[in-house]
C-alpha atoms as a PDB file:
ATOM      1  CA  UNK A   1     -41.465  20.166 -28.730  1.00  0.00           C
ATOM      2  CA  UNK A   2     -38.451  22.241 -29.699  1.00  0.00           C
ATOM      3  CA  UNK A   3     -36.989  23.069 -33.091  1.00  0.00           C
ATOM      4  CA  UNK A   4     -33.510  22.125 -34.161  1.00  0.00           C
ATOM      5  CA  UNK A   5     -31.277  22.825 -37.137  1.00  0.00           C
ATOM      6  CA  UNK A   6     -32.232  19.572 -38.872  1.00  0.00           C
ATOM      7  CA  UNK A   7     -35.517  18.544 -40.444  1.00  0.00           C
ATOM      8  CA  UNK A   8     -36.867  16.706 -37.416  1.00  0.00           C
ATOM      9  CA  UNK A   9     -38.019  17.667 -33.961  1.00  0.00           C
ATOM     10  CA  UNK A  10     -36.945  16.343 -30.596  1.00  0.00           C
ATOM     11  CA  UNK A  11     -39.654  15.915 -27.946  1.00  0.00           C
ATOM     12  CA  UNK A  12     -38.841  17.176 -24.486  1.00  0.00           C
ATOM     13  CA  UNK A  13     -39.081  14.485 -21.768  1.00  0.00           C
ATOM     14  CA  UNK A  14     -41.823  15.091 -19.270  1.00  0.00           C
ATOM     15  CA  UNK A  15     -40.588  16.362 -15.891  1.00  0.00           C
ATOM     16  CA  UNK A  16     -42.129  13.348 -14.153  1.00  0.00           C
ATOM     17  CA  UNK A  17     -40.276  10.857 -16.388  1.00  0.00           C
ATOM     18  CA  UNK A  18     -36.984  12.674 -15.816  1.00  0.00           C
ATOM     19  CA  UNK A  19     -37.567  12.746 -12.055  1.00  0.00           C
ATOM     20  CA  UNK A  20     -38.397   9.059 -11.930  1.00  0.00           C
ATOM     21  CA  UNK A  21     -35.253   8.184 -13.893  1.00  0.00           C
ATOM     22  CA  UNK A  22     -33.048  10.185 -11.553  1.00  0.00           C
ATOM     23  CA  UNK A  23     -34.778   8.687  -8.531  1.00  0.00           C
ATOM     24  CA  UNK A  24     -34.207   5.195  -9.901  1.00  0.00           C
ATOM     25  CA  UNK A  25     -30.505   5.899 -10.381  1.00  0.00           C
ATOM     26  CA  UNK A  26     -29.905   6.749  -6.733  1.00  0.00           C
ATOM     27  CA  UNK A  27     -32.597   4.912  -4.803  1.00  0.00           C
ATOM     28  CA  UNK A  28     -30.327   2.023  -3.788  1.00  0.00           C
ATOM     29  CA  UNK A  29     -27.306   4.040  -2.599  1.00  0.00           C
ATOM     30  CA  UNK A  30     -27.747   4.757   1.097  1.00  0.00           C
ATOM     31  CA  UNK A  31     -25.586   6.159   3.854  1.00  0.00           C
ATOM     32  CA  UNK A  32     -25.964   2.933   5.829  1.00  0.00           C
ATOM     33  CA  UNK A  33     -24.632   0.904   2.893  1.00  0.00           C
ATOM     34  CA  UNK A  34     -21.555   3.122   2.725  1.00  0.00           C
ATOM     35  CA  UNK A  35     -21.039   2.798   6.480  1.00  0.00           C
ATOM     36  CA  UNK A  36     -21.452  -0.990   6.247  1.00  0.00           C
ATOM     37  CA  UNK A  37     -18.993  -1.167   3.347  1.00  0.00           C
ATOM     38  CA  UNK A  38     -16.371   0.906   5.181  1.00  0.00           C
ATOM     39  CA  UNK A  39     -16.679  -1.226   8.306  1.00  0.00           C
ATOM     40  CA  UNK A  40     -16.455  -4.532   6.427  1.00  0.00           C
ATOM     41  CA  UNK A  41     -13.516  -3.239   4.349  1.00  0.00           C
ATOM     42  CA  UNK A  42     -11.737  -2.358   7.583  1.00  0.00           C
ATOM     43  CA  UNK A  43     -12.517  -5.591   9.448  1.00  0.00           C
ATOM     44  CA  UNK A  44     -12.591  -8.053   6.499  1.00  0.00           C
ATOM     45  CA  UNK A  45     -14.714 -10.314   8.678  1.00  0.00           C
ATOM     46  CA  UNK A  46     -18.515 -10.460   8.399  1.00  0.00           C
ATOM     47  CA  UNK A  47     -19.220 -11.544  11.968  1.00  0.00           C
ATOM     48  CA  UNK A  48     -16.973  -8.946  13.583  1.00  0.00           C
ATOM     49  CA  UNK A  49     -18.183  -6.177  11.277  1.00  0.00           C
ATOM     50  CA  UNK A  50     -21.813  -7.043  12.050  1.00  0.00           C
ATOM     51  CA  UNK A  51     -21.056  -6.986  15.778  1.00  0.00           C
ATOM     52  CA  UNK A  52     -19.417  -3.567  15.518  1.00  0.00           C
ATOM     53  CA  UNK A  53     -22.419  -2.263  13.557  1.00  0.00           C
ATOM     54  CA  UNK A  54     -24.918  -3.928  15.944  1.00  0.00           C
ATOM     55  CA  UNK A  55     -26.758  -5.648  13.112  1.00  0.00           C
ATOM     56  CA  UNK A  56     -27.189  -9.264  12.047  1.00  0.00           C
ATOM     57  CA  UNK A  57     -24.756 -10.857   9.624  1.00  0.00           C
ATOM     58  CA  UNK A  58     -27.507 -11.581   7.029  1.00  0.00           C
ATOM     59  CA  UNK A  59     -28.488  -7.888   7.124  1.00  0.00           C
ATOM     60  CA  UNK A  60     -24.873  -6.895   6.471  1.00  0.00           C
ATOM     61  CA  UNK A  61     -24.560  -9.401   3.609  1.00  0.00           C
ATOM     62  CA  UNK A  62     -27.788  -8.155   2.030  1.00  0.00           C
ATOM     63  CA  UNK A  63     -26.712  -4.499   2.253  1.00  0.00           C
ATOM     64  CA  UNK A  64     -23.335  -5.246   0.632  1.00  0.00           C
ATOM     65  CA  UNK A  65     -24.968  -7.314  -2.133  1.00  0.00           C
ATOM     66  CA  UNK A  66     -27.391  -4.477  -2.900  1.00  0.00           C
ATOM     67  CA  UNK A  67     -24.544  -1.963  -2.996  1.00  0.00           C
ATOM     68  CA  UNK A  68     -22.605  -4.185  -5.421  1.00  0.00           C
ATOM     69  CA  UNK A  69     -25.705  -4.436  -7.629  1.00  0.00           C
ATOM     70  CA  UNK A  70     -26.053  -0.668  -7.622  1.00  0.00           C
ATOM     71  CA  UNK A  71     -22.388  -0.147  -8.550  1.00  0.00           C
ATOM     72  CA  UNK A  72     -22.321  -3.010 -11.037  1.00  0.00           C
ATOM     73  CA  UNK A  73     -19.047  -4.417  -9.655  1.00  0.00           C
ATOM     74  CA  UNK A  74     -17.901  -6.843  -6.984  1.00  0.00           C
ATOM     75  CA  UNK A  75     -16.370  -5.066  -4.002  1.00  0.00           C
ATOM     76  CA  UNK A  76     -15.315  -8.188  -2.082  1.00  0.00           C
ATOM     77  CA  UNK A  77     -13.870 -11.576  -2.935  1.00  0.00           C
ATOM     78  CA  UNK A  78     -15.426 -14.368  -0.887  1.00  0.00           C
ATOM     79  CA  UNK A  79     -13.376 -17.532  -0.523  1.00  0.00           C
ATOM     80  CA  UNK A  80     -14.696 -20.029   2.025  1.00  0.00           C
ATOM     81  CA  UNK A  81     -14.249 -18.293   5.392  1.00  0.00           C
ATOM     82  CA  UNK A  82     -12.059 -15.463   4.080  1.00  0.00           C
ATOM     83  CA  UNK A  83     -12.964 -12.236   2.304  1.00  0.00           C
ATOM     84  CA  UNK A  84     -10.785  -9.628   0.598  1.00  0.00           C
ATOM     85  CA  UNK A  85     -11.300  -6.350  -1.211  1.00  0.00           C
ATOM     86  CA  UNK A  86     -11.328  -6.580  -4.985  1.00  0.00           C
ATOM     87  CA  UNK A  87      -9.465  -3.917  -7.002  1.00  0.00           C
ATOM     88  CA  UNK A  88     -12.862  -2.198  -7.367  1.00  0.00           C
ATOM     89  CA  UNK A  89     -13.306  -2.252  -3.605  1.00  0.00           C
ATOM     90  CA  UNK A  90      -9.807  -0.873  -3.017  1.00  0.00           C
ATOM     91  CA  UNK A  91     -10.524   1.945  -5.481  1.00  0.00           C
ATOM     92  CA  UNK A  92     -13.912   2.753  -3.914  1.00  0.00           C
ATOM     93  CA  UNK A  93     -12.835   2.688  -0.247  1.00  0.00           C
ATOM     94  CA  UNK A  94     -10.983   6.051   0.017  1.00  0.00           C
ATOM     95  CA  UNK A  95     -13.941   7.857  -1.580  1.00  0.00           C
ATOM     96  CA  UNK A  96     -16.321   6.323   0.952  1.00  0.00           C
ATOM     97  CA  UNK A  97     -14.007   7.219   3.835  1.00  0.00           C
ATOM     98  CA  UNK A  98     -13.829  10.835   2.643  1.00  0.00           C
ATOM     99  CA  UNK A  99     -17.615  10.995   2.238  1.00  0.00           C
ATOM    100  CA  UNK A 100     -18.214   9.706   5.761  1.00  0.00           C
ATOM    101  CA  UNK A 101     -15.617  12.128   7.154  1.00  0.00           C
ATOM    102  CA  UNK A 102     -17.290  15.012   5.318  1.00  0.00           C
ATOM    103  CA  UNK A 103     -20.645  14.091   6.852  1.00  0.00           C
ATOM    104  CA  UNK A 104     -19.083  13.896  10.316  1.00  0.00           C
ATOM    105  CA  UNK A 105     -17.619  17.346   9.818  1.00  0.00           C
ATOM    106  CA  UNK A 106     -21.030  18.604   8.740  1.00  0.00           C
ATOM    107  CA  UNK A 107     -22.584  17.158  11.881  1.00  0.00           C
ATOM    108  CA  UNK A 108     -19.875  18.808  13.978  1.00  0.00           C
ATOM    109  CA  UNK A 109     -20.539  22.175  12.321  1.00  0.00           C
ATOM    110  CA  UNK A 110     -24.206  21.954  13.334  1.00  0.00           C
ATOM    111  CA  UNK A 111     -23.226  21.060  16.877  1.00  0.00           C
ATOM    112  CA  UNK A 112     -20.927  24.069  16.836  1.00  0.00           C
ATOM    113  CA  UNK A 113     -23.824  26.299  15.746  1.00  0.00           C
ATOM    114  CA  UNK A 114     -25.906  24.920  18.632  1.00  0.00           C
ATOM    115  CA  UNK A 115     -23.073  25.499  21.097  1.00  0.00           C
ATOM    116  CA  UNK A 116     -22.602  21.799  21.858  1.00  0.00           C
ATOM    117  CA  UNK A 117     -19.090  21.432  20.483  1.00  0.00           C
ATOM    118  CA  UNK A 118     -17.100  22.200  23.642  1.00  0.00           C
ATOM    119  CA  UNK A 119     -17.083  18.575  24.850  1.00  0.00           C
ATOM    120  CA  UNK A 120     -16.480  17.001  21.421  1.00  0.00           C
ATOM    121  CA  UNK A 121     -13.051  16.361  19.942  1.00  0.00           C
ATOM    122  CA  UNK A 122     -11.862  14.822  16.704  1.00  0.00           C
ATOM    123  CA  UNK A 123      -9.245  12.089  17.069  1.00  0.00           C
ATOM    124  CA  UNK A 124      -7.528  10.452  14.105  1.00  0.00           C
ATOM    125  CA  UNK A 125      -5.579   7.214  13.868  1.00  0.00           C
ATOM    126  CA  UNK A 126      -4.329   4.719  11.285  1.00  0.00           C
ATOM    127  CA  UNK A 127      -5.582   1.200  10.704  1.00  0.00           C
ATOM    128  CA  UNK A 128      -3.023  -0.972  12.461  1.00  0.00           C
ATOM    129  CA  UNK A 129      -3.730   0.616  15.859  1.00  0.00           C
ATOM    130  CA  UNK A 130      -7.510   0.810  15.357  1.00  0.00           C
ATOM    131  CA  UNK A 131      -8.285  -2.262  17.478  1.00  0.00           C
ATOM    132  CA  UNK A 132      -5.142  -2.987  19.508  1.00  0.00           C
ATOM    133  CA  UNK A 133      -4.372   0.485  20.876  1.00  0.00           C
ATOM    134  CA  UNK A 134      -7.187   3.018  20.509  1.00  0.00           C
ATOM    135  CA  UNK A 135     -10.166   1.153  22.073  1.00  0.00           C
ATOM    136  CA  UNK A 136      -8.268   0.202  25.272  1.00  0.00           C
ATOM    137  CA  UNK A 137      -7.043   3.793  25.558  1.00  0.00           C
ATOM    138  CA  UNK A 138     -10.599   5.155  25.276  1.00  0.00           C
ATOM    139  CA  UNK A 139     -11.858   2.597  27.786  1.00  0.00           C
ATOM    140  CA  UNK A 140      -9.137   3.641  30.214  1.00  0.00           C
ATOM    141  CA  UNK A 141      -9.957   7.322  29.698  1.00  0.00           C
ATOM    142  CA  UNK A 142     -13.626   6.779  30.536  1.00  0.00           C
ATOM    143  CA  UNK A 143     -12.791   5.099  33.850  1.00  0.00           C
ATOM    144  CA  UNK A 144     -12.843   8.569  35.389  1.00  0.00           C
ATOM    145  CA  UNK A 145     -16.491   9.719  35.794  1.00  0.00           C
ATOM    146  CA  UNK A 146     -15.593  13.336  34.979  1.00  0.00           C
ATOM    147  CA  UNK A 147     -14.325  12.222  31.548  1.00  0.00           C
ATOM    148  CA  UNK A 148     -17.644  10.696  30.462  1.00  0.00           C
ATOM    149  CA  UNK A 149     -19.041  14.056  29.395  1.00  0.00           C
ATOM    150  CA  UNK A 150     -16.374  14.213  26.662  1.00  0.00           C
ATOM    151  CA  UNK A 151     -17.302  12.674  23.307  1.00  0.00           C
ATOM    152  CA  UNK A 152     -15.068  11.557  20.446  1.00  0.00           C
ATOM    153  CA  UNK A 153     -15.443  11.733  16.710  1.00  0.00           C
ATOM    154  CA  UNK A 154     -13.002   9.240  15.220  1.00  0.00           C
ATOM    155  CA  UNK A 155     -11.355   9.382  11.818  1.00  0.00           C
ATOM    156  CA  UNK A 156      -9.307   6.521  10.379  1.00  0.00           C
ATOM    157  CA  UNK A 157      -6.865   7.137   7.547  1.00  0.00           C
ATOM    158  CA  UNK A 158      -3.306   6.513   6.505  1.00  0.00           C
ATOM    159  CA  UNK A 159      -0.590   7.681   8.874  1.00  0.00           C
ATOM    160  CA  UNK A 160       0.300  10.568   6.562  1.00  0.00           C
ATOM    161  CA  UNK A 161      -3.364  11.575   6.135  1.00  0.00           C
ATOM    162  CA  UNK A 162      -3.722  11.830   9.914  1.00  0.00           C
ATOM    163  CA  UNK A 163      -0.577  13.949  10.146  1.00  0.00           C
ATOM    164  CA  UNK A 164      -1.852  16.236   7.359  1.00  0.00           C
ATOM    165  CA  UNK A 165      -5.303  16.649   8.941  1.00  0.00           C
ATOM    166  CA  UNK A 166      -3.763  17.643  12.288  1.00  0.00           C
ATOM    167  CA  UNK A 167      -1.502  20.131  10.516  1.00  0.00           C
ATOM    168  CA  UNK A 168      -4.487  21.556   8.591  1.00  0.00           C
ATOM    169  CA  UNK A 169      -6.503  21.962  11.794  1.00  0.00           C
ATOM    170  CA  UNK A 170      -9.135  19.401  10.750  1.00  0.00           C
ATOM    171  CA  UNK A 171      -8.290  17.050  13.625  1.00  0.00           C
ATOM    172  CA  UNK A 172      -7.725  18.076  17.236  1.00  0.00           C
ATOM    173  CA  UNK A 173      -5.402  15.149  17.985  1.00  0.00           C
ATOM    174  CA  UNK A 174      -3.980  12.318  15.928  1.00  0.00           C
ATOM    175  CA  UNK A 175      -1.850   9.208  16.156  1.00  0.00           C
ATOM    176  CA  UNK A 176       0.700   8.918  13.370  1.00  0.00           C
ATOM    177  CA  UNK A 177       4.153   7.636  12.540  1.00  0.00           C
ATOM    178  CA  UNK A 178       4.863  10.948  10.764  1.00  0.00           C
ATOM    179  CA  UNK A 179       6.296  14.105  12.278  1.00  0.00           C
ATOM    180  CA  UNK A 180       6.888  17.529  10.832  1.00  0.00           C
ATOM    181  CA  UNK A 181       7.631  21.183  11.576  1.00  0.00           C
ATOM    182  CA  UNK A 182       5.152  23.063  13.737  1.00  0.00           C
ATOM    183  CA  UNK A 183       3.562  19.914  15.158  1.00  0.00           C
ATOM    184  CA  UNK A 184       4.051  18.888  18.784  1.00  0.00           C
ATOM    185  CA  UNK A 185       4.585  15.161  19.309  1.00  0.00           C
ATOM    186  CA  UNK A 186       4.666  12.657  22.118  1.00  0.00           C
ATOM    187  CA  UNK A 187       5.940   9.130  21.571  1.00  0.00           C
ATOM    188  CA  UNK A 188       3.192   6.785  22.806  1.00  0.00           C
ATOM    189  CA  UNK A 189       4.016   3.404  21.292  1.00  0.00           C
ATOM    190  CA  UNK A 190       6.836   1.353  19.812  1.00  0.00           C
ATOM    191  CA  UNK A 191       4.948  -0.770  17.301  1.00  0.00           C
ATOM    192  CA  UNK A 192       6.593  -4.083  16.392  1.00  0.00           C
ATOM    193  CA  UNK A 193       6.953  -4.966  12.718  1.00  0.00           C
ATOM    194  CA  UNK A 194       6.759  -8.552  11.521  1.00  0.00           C
ATOM    195  CA  UNK A 195       7.718 -10.565   8.494  1.00  0.00           C
ATOM    196  CA  UNK A 196       4.361 -11.945   7.348  1.00  0.00           C
ATOM    197  CA  UNK A 197       4.505 -15.157   5.298  1.00  0.00           C
ATOM    198  CA  UNK A 198       1.896 -17.608   3.970  1.00  0.00           C
ATOM    199  CA  UNK A 199       1.030 -20.393   6.393  1.00  0.00           C
ATOM    200  CA  UNK A 200       2.812 -23.047   4.270  1.00  0.00           C
ATOM    201  CA  UNK A 201       5.969 -20.971   3.685  1.00  0.00           C
ATOM    202  CA  UNK A 202       9.302 -22.596   4.715  1.00  0.00           C
ATOM    203  CA  UNK A 203      10.029 -19.698   7.082  1.00  0.00           C
ATOM    204  CA  UNK A 204       6.689 -20.093   8.863  1.00  0.00           C
ATOM    205  CA  UNK A 205       8.126 -22.611  11.350  1.00  0.00           C
ATOM    206  CA  UNK A 206      10.865 -20.255  12.613  1.00  0.00           C
ATOM    207  CA  UNK A 207      10.432 -18.395  15.909  1.00  0.00           C
ATOM    208  CA  UNK A 208      12.011 -15.246  14.439  1.00  0.00           C
ATOM    209  CA  UNK A 209      13.829 -14.136  11.270  1.00  0.00           C
ATOM    210  CA  UNK A 210      16.654 -11.837  10.252  1.00  0.00           C
ATOM    211  CA  UNK A 211      16.907  -9.711   7.119  1.00  0.00           C
ATOM    212  CA  UNK A 212      19.239 -12.285   5.639  1.00  0.00           C
ATOM    213  CA  UNK A 213      16.543 -14.968   5.943  1.00  0.00           C
ATOM    214  CA  UNK A 214      14.207 -13.197   3.506  1.00  0.00           C
ATOM    215  CA  UNK A 215      16.721 -11.275   1.373  1.00  0.00           C
ATOM    216  CA  UNK A 216      15.797 -13.285  -1.756  1.00  0.00           C
ATOM    217  CA  UNK A 217      12.055 -13.567  -1.103  1.00  0.00           C
ATOM    218  CA  UNK A 218       9.502 -11.789  -3.333  1.00  0.00           C
ATOM    219  CA  UNK A 219       8.277  -8.780  -1.361  1.00  0.00           C
ATOM    220  CA  UNK A 220       4.786  -7.240  -1.236  1.00  0.00           C
ATOM    221  CA  UNK A 221       5.582  -3.641  -0.303  1.00  0.00           C
ATOM    222  CA  UNK A 222       3.770  -0.375   0.281  1.00  0.00           C
ATOM    223  CA  UNK A 223       4.047   2.429  -2.245  1.00  0.00           C
ATOM    224  CA  UNK A 224       6.890   4.936  -2.038  1.00  0.00           C
ATOM    225  CA  UNK A 225       6.224   7.897   0.227  1.00  0.00           C
ATOM    226  CA  UNK A 226       4.632   5.931   3.032  1.00  0.00           C
ATOM    227  CA  UNK A 227       6.446   6.043   6.354  1.00  0.00           C
ATOM    228  CA  UNK A 228       6.693   2.256   6.544  1.00  0.00           C
ATOM    229  CA  UNK A 229       8.106   2.006   3.004  1.00  0.00           C
ATOM    230  CA  UNK A 230      10.720   4.674   3.774  1.00  0.00           C
ATOM    231  CA  UNK A 231      11.747   2.834   6.932  1.00  0.00           C
ATOM    232  CA  UNK A 232      12.049  -0.483   5.096  1.00  0.00           C
ATOM    233  CA  UNK A 233      14.034   1.070   2.236  1.00  0.00           C
ATOM    234  CA  UNK A 234      16.540   2.409   4.768  1.00  0.00           C
ATOM    235  CA  UNK A 235      16.713  -0.976   6.523  1.00  0.00           C
ATOM    236  CA  UNK A 236      17.318  -2.894   3.284  1.00  0.00           C
ATOM    237  CA  UNK A 237      19.982  -0.377   2.275  1.00  0.00           C
ATOM    238  CA  UNK A 238      21.700  -0.738   5.657  1.00  0.00           C
ATOM    239  CA  UNK A 239      21.814  -4.513   5.153  1.00  0.00           C
ATOM    240  CA  UNK A 240      23.080  -4.125   1.543  1.00  0.00           C
ATOM    241  CA  UNK A 241      19.965  -5.893   0.235  1.00  0.00           C
ATOM    242  CA  UNK A 242      18.075  -5.027  -2.941  1.00  0.00           C
ATOM    243  CA  UNK A 243      14.498  -6.195  -2.249  1.00  0.00           C
ATOM    244  CA  UNK A 244      12.629  -8.198  -4.904  1.00  0.00           C
ATOM    245  CA  UNK A 245       9.448  -6.120  -5.004  1.00  0.00           C
ATOM    246  CA  UNK A 246       6.691  -7.924  -6.891  1.00  0.00           C
ATOM    247  CA  UNK A 247       3.725  -5.730  -5.862  1.00  0.00           C
ATOM    248  CA  UNK A 248       3.349  -2.238  -4.410  1.00  0.00           C
ATOM    249  CA  UNK A 249       0.078  -1.450  -2.636  1.00  0.00           C
ATOM    250  CA  UNK A 250      -1.285   1.558  -0.775  1.00  0.00           C
ATOM    251  CA  UNK A 251      -2.240   0.015   2.557  1.00  0.00           C
ATOM    252  CA  UNK A 252      -1.471  -2.927   4.813  1.00  0.00           C
ATOM    253  CA  UNK A 253      -4.756  -4.790   4.281  1.00  0.00           C
ATOM    254  CA  UNK A 254      -4.089  -5.071   0.563  1.00  0.00           C
ATOM    255  CA  UNK A 255      -0.538  -6.320   1.207  1.00  0.00           C
ATOM    256  CA  UNK A 256      -1.890  -8.965   3.592  1.00  0.00           C
ATOM    257  CA  UNK A 257      -4.347 -10.214   0.991  1.00  0.00           C
ATOM    258  CA  UNK A 258      -1.598 -10.791  -1.572  1.00  0.00           C
ATOM    259  CA  UNK A 259       0.538 -12.536   1.039  1.00  0.00           C
ATOM    260  CA  UNK A 260      -2.418 -14.773   1.909  1.00  0.00           C
ATOM    261  CA  UNK A 261      -2.683 -15.613  -1.811  1.00  0.00           C
ATOM    262  CA  UNK A 262       1.023 -16.638  -1.774  1.00  0.00           C
ATOM    263  CA  UNK A 263       2.348 -13.947  -4.097  1.00  0.00           C
ATOM    264  CA  UNK A 264       5.151 -13.105  -1.673  1.00  0.00           C
ATOM    265  CA  UNK A 265       6.012 -12.013   1.860  1.00  0.00           C
ATOM    266  CA  UNK A 266       5.792  -8.611   3.487  1.00  0.00           C
ATOM    267  CA  UNK A 267       6.849  -6.562   6.491  1.00  0.00           C
ATOM    268  CA  UNK A 268       3.798  -5.283   8.331  1.00  0.00           C
ATOM    269  CA  UNK A 269       2.604  -4.180  11.759  1.00  0.00           C
ATOM    270  CA  UNK A 270      -0.057  -6.272  13.447  1.00  0.00           C
ATOM    271  CA  UNK A 271      -3.457  -5.482  11.926  1.00  0.00           C
ATOM    272  CA  UNK A 272      -6.889  -6.884  12.864  1.00  0.00           C
ATOM    273  CA  UNK A 273      -7.309  -8.984   9.720  1.00  0.00           C
ATOM    274  CA  UNK A 274      -3.996 -10.757  10.340  1.00  0.00           C
ATOM    275  CA  UNK A 275      -5.782 -13.053  12.792  1.00  0.00           C
ATOM    276  CA  UNK A 276      -8.198 -14.405  10.180  1.00  0.00           C
ATOM    277  CA  UNK A 277      -5.785 -14.739   7.240  1.00  0.00           C
ATOM    278  CA  UNK A 278      -3.769 -17.878   6.507  1.00  0.00           C
ATOM    279  CA  UNK A 279      -0.463 -16.253   7.382  1.00  0.00           C
ATOM    280  CA  UNK A 280       2.210 -16.330  10.085  1.00  0.00           C
ATOM    281  CA  UNK A 281       3.730 -13.158  11.576  1.00  0.00           C
ATOM    282  CA  UNK A 282       7.374 -13.614  12.556  1.00  0.00           C
ATOM    283  CA  UNK A 283       9.366 -11.177  14.756  1.00  0.00           C
ATOM    284  CA  UNK A 284      12.359  -9.617  12.990  1.00  0.00           C
ATOM    285  CA  UNK A 285      15.635  -9.592  14.914  1.00  0.00           C
ATOM    286  CA  UNK A 286      17.399  -6.314  14.197  1.00  0.00           C
ATOM    287  CA  UNK A 287      20.801  -6.059  15.903  1.00  0.00           C
ATOM    288  CA  UNK A 288      19.573  -8.097  18.864  1.00  0.00           C
ATOM    289  CA  UNK A 289      16.425  -5.970  19.187  1.00  0.00           C
ATOM    290  CA  UNK A 290      12.926  -6.064  17.761  1.00  0.00           C
ATOM    291  CA  UNK A 291      12.267  -4.258  14.487  1.00  0.00           C
ATOM    292  CA  UNK A 292       9.800  -1.498  15.403  1.00  0.00           C
ATOM    293  CA  UNK A 293       8.370   1.825  14.304  1.00  0.00           C
ATOM    294  CA  UNK A 294       7.439   4.755  16.519  1.00  0.00           C
ATOM    295  CA  UNK A 295       3.856   5.962  16.930  1.00  0.00           C
ATOM    296  CA  UNK A 296       3.298   9.547  18.074  1.00  0.00           C
ATOM    297  CA  UNK A 297       0.437  11.583  19.444  1.00  0.00           C
ATOM    298  CA  UNK A 298       0.260  14.796  17.389  1.00  0.00           C
ATOM    299  CA  UNK A 299      -1.260  18.210  18.028  1.00  0.00           C
ATOM    300  CA  UNK A 300      -0.776  21.767  16.811  1.00  0.00           C
ATOM    301  CA  UNK A 301       0.676  23.825  19.693  1.00  0.00           C
ATOM    302  CA  UNK A 302      -0.381  27.082  18.008  1.00  0.00           C
ATOM    303  CA  UNK A 303      -4.039  26.067  17.721  1.00  0.00           C
ATOM    304  CA  UNK A 304      -6.247  27.000  20.709  1.00  0.00           C
ATOM    305  CA  UNK A 305      -7.450  23.891  22.562  1.00  0.00           C
ATOM    306  CA  UNK A 306     -10.848  23.445  24.157  1.00  0.00           C
ATOM    307  CA  UNK A 307     -10.841  22.133  27.740  1.00  0.00           C
ATOM    308  CA  UNK A 308     -11.970  18.739  26.405  1.00  0.00           C
ATOM    309  CA  UNK A 309      -9.053  18.487  23.967  1.00  0.00           C
ATOM    310  CA  UNK A 310      -6.623  19.617  26.653  1.00  0.00           C
ATOM    311  CA  UNK A 311      -7.970  16.984  29.047  1.00  0.00           C
ATOM    312  CA  UNK A 312      -7.611  14.145  26.531  1.00  0.00           C
ATOM    313  CA  UNK A 313      -4.160  15.278  25.404  1.00  0.00           C
ATOM    314  CA  UNK A 314      -2.894  15.510  28.985  1.00  0.00           C
ATOM    315  CA  UNK A 315      -4.352  12.088  29.819  1.00  0.00           C
ATOM    316  CA  UNK A 316      -2.608  10.406  26.863  1.00  0.00           C
ATOM    317  CA  UNK A 317       0.719  12.142  27.501  1.00  0.00           C
ATOM    318  CA  UNK A 318       0.613  11.263  31.205  1.00  0.00           C
ATOM    319  CA  UNK A 319      -0.522   7.644  30.933  1.00  0.00           C
ATOM    320  CA  UNK A 320       0.889   6.573  27.552  1.00  0.00           C
ATOM    321  CA  UNK A 321       3.740   8.968  26.823  1.00  0.00           C
ATOM    322  CA  UNK A 322       7.173   7.389  26.436  1.00  0.00           C
ATOM    323  CA  UNK A 323       9.075  10.496  25.388  1.00  0.00           C
ATOM    324  CA  UNK A 324       7.879  13.976  24.469  1.00  0.00           C
ATOM    325  CA  UNK A 325       9.438  16.191  21.852  1.00  0.00           C
ATOM    326  CA  UNK A 326       8.877  19.719  20.667  1.00  0.00           C
ATOM    327  CA  UNK A 327       8.011  20.825  17.138  1.00  0.00           C
ATOM    328  CA  UNK A 328      10.579  19.714  14.583  1.00  0.00           C
ATOM    329  CA  UNK A 329      12.562  22.322  12.635  1.00  0.00           C
ATOM    330  CA  UNK A 330      11.497  22.974   9.065  1.00  0.00           C
ATOM    331  CA  UNK A 331      14.120  20.642   7.557  1.00  0.00           C
ATOM    332  CA  UNK A 332      13.109  17.612   9.648  1.00  0.00           C
ATOM    333  CA  UNK A 333       9.955  16.263   8.017  1.00  0.00           C
ATOM    334  CA  UNK A 334       9.818  12.452   8.193  1.00  0.00           C
END
């Protein structure tokens, strides 16, 4: 026991009791649960997430339920055949993504110490190209037997996060809609943008729409500063339209969820969860052309490249490059 300034004493807890309490606080939080959560948050589909993780759907459901019990909050909304991130889930997701990235970087540092890093490269991309563009590219790359000795560590983030990580030297290569000074770019994709409306919306039966068609519709938009939001702000201004923004969210999945719940419409690229939501994606006619945004491969020309990174970069530029540019001047950040 220890003395204190008052007329009573406070017993010290036994070390074993303190250890058991701490162990109880963390015993349910596992790396696998975080990996399962990140995958399900990205796919928003239990069956597909379980297939990607190579586990059964009941095992995935159990792991998520245990994680929610540990955190004391619901991370997902489950409505019939559809699921969505709750506000708690949306808040938790970026922390989990950063934790998993940190662990990957730790693993890479050990491989570097062992001298095994020369055939490993870190490639970053954003969510809307995670299933439609990146996997077919990797499959195509591995068609050549000499490429199979090269291994990838993938990182998914926002377009601006990928740009920043390439600029900071934390990614070897990245796909992003952002460009900036000192970063070499190669245009690899013109990504169509769609007006996404609830399935029962009056516009859902049209084959395409114009800006005038949805000028008065409530809009679910991304937060200011995102590349897509900047592009849409310029487009609305060019059409002399003041958009009726009802919600601003940080990423496309969240926007899609609110559209599915009939809070408004939104302009989004195609994302994996669009195929399971009760929505319709309509092409936008923009001066007799599709409304698109450019996707670039990024790398730092001043950073030494390993042979593996050089091989992958050259393959993408050769087989997917639409137009190559040099580093932008300092005043040209987009």
